[in-house]
Amino acid sequence: MCPACIATAALIVAGATSAGGLGALVAKNLRGKTGAEIIDLLASLAAEHGATVIVATHDVGLADRAPRRLAMRDGRLLAAVAA
């Protein structure tokens, strides 16, 4: 994984866990190997620190990895699914 990706993920988790707030990762493209590595890192750090990761995506494969999913269209909730 690229050093910038690791640094970004670390800052997000550090901010979320130290302040008890929410970290956000805005990425245009989380596809491919690097995207999967970033999501894996965020998921493991969130589990370790008891944090929540919120990901907004159009990537069904990425969404399928989440333990809970909310489907939206035009600003309206269509479905809520728990894995």
Foldseek 3Di string as FASTA:
>chain_A
DDPVLVVLLVVQLCVCLVVVHGGDDDDPDLDDDNSVVSVVVNVVSCVVRVHDHDDDDPDVVVQVVDQWDWDDDPRDTDDIDGD
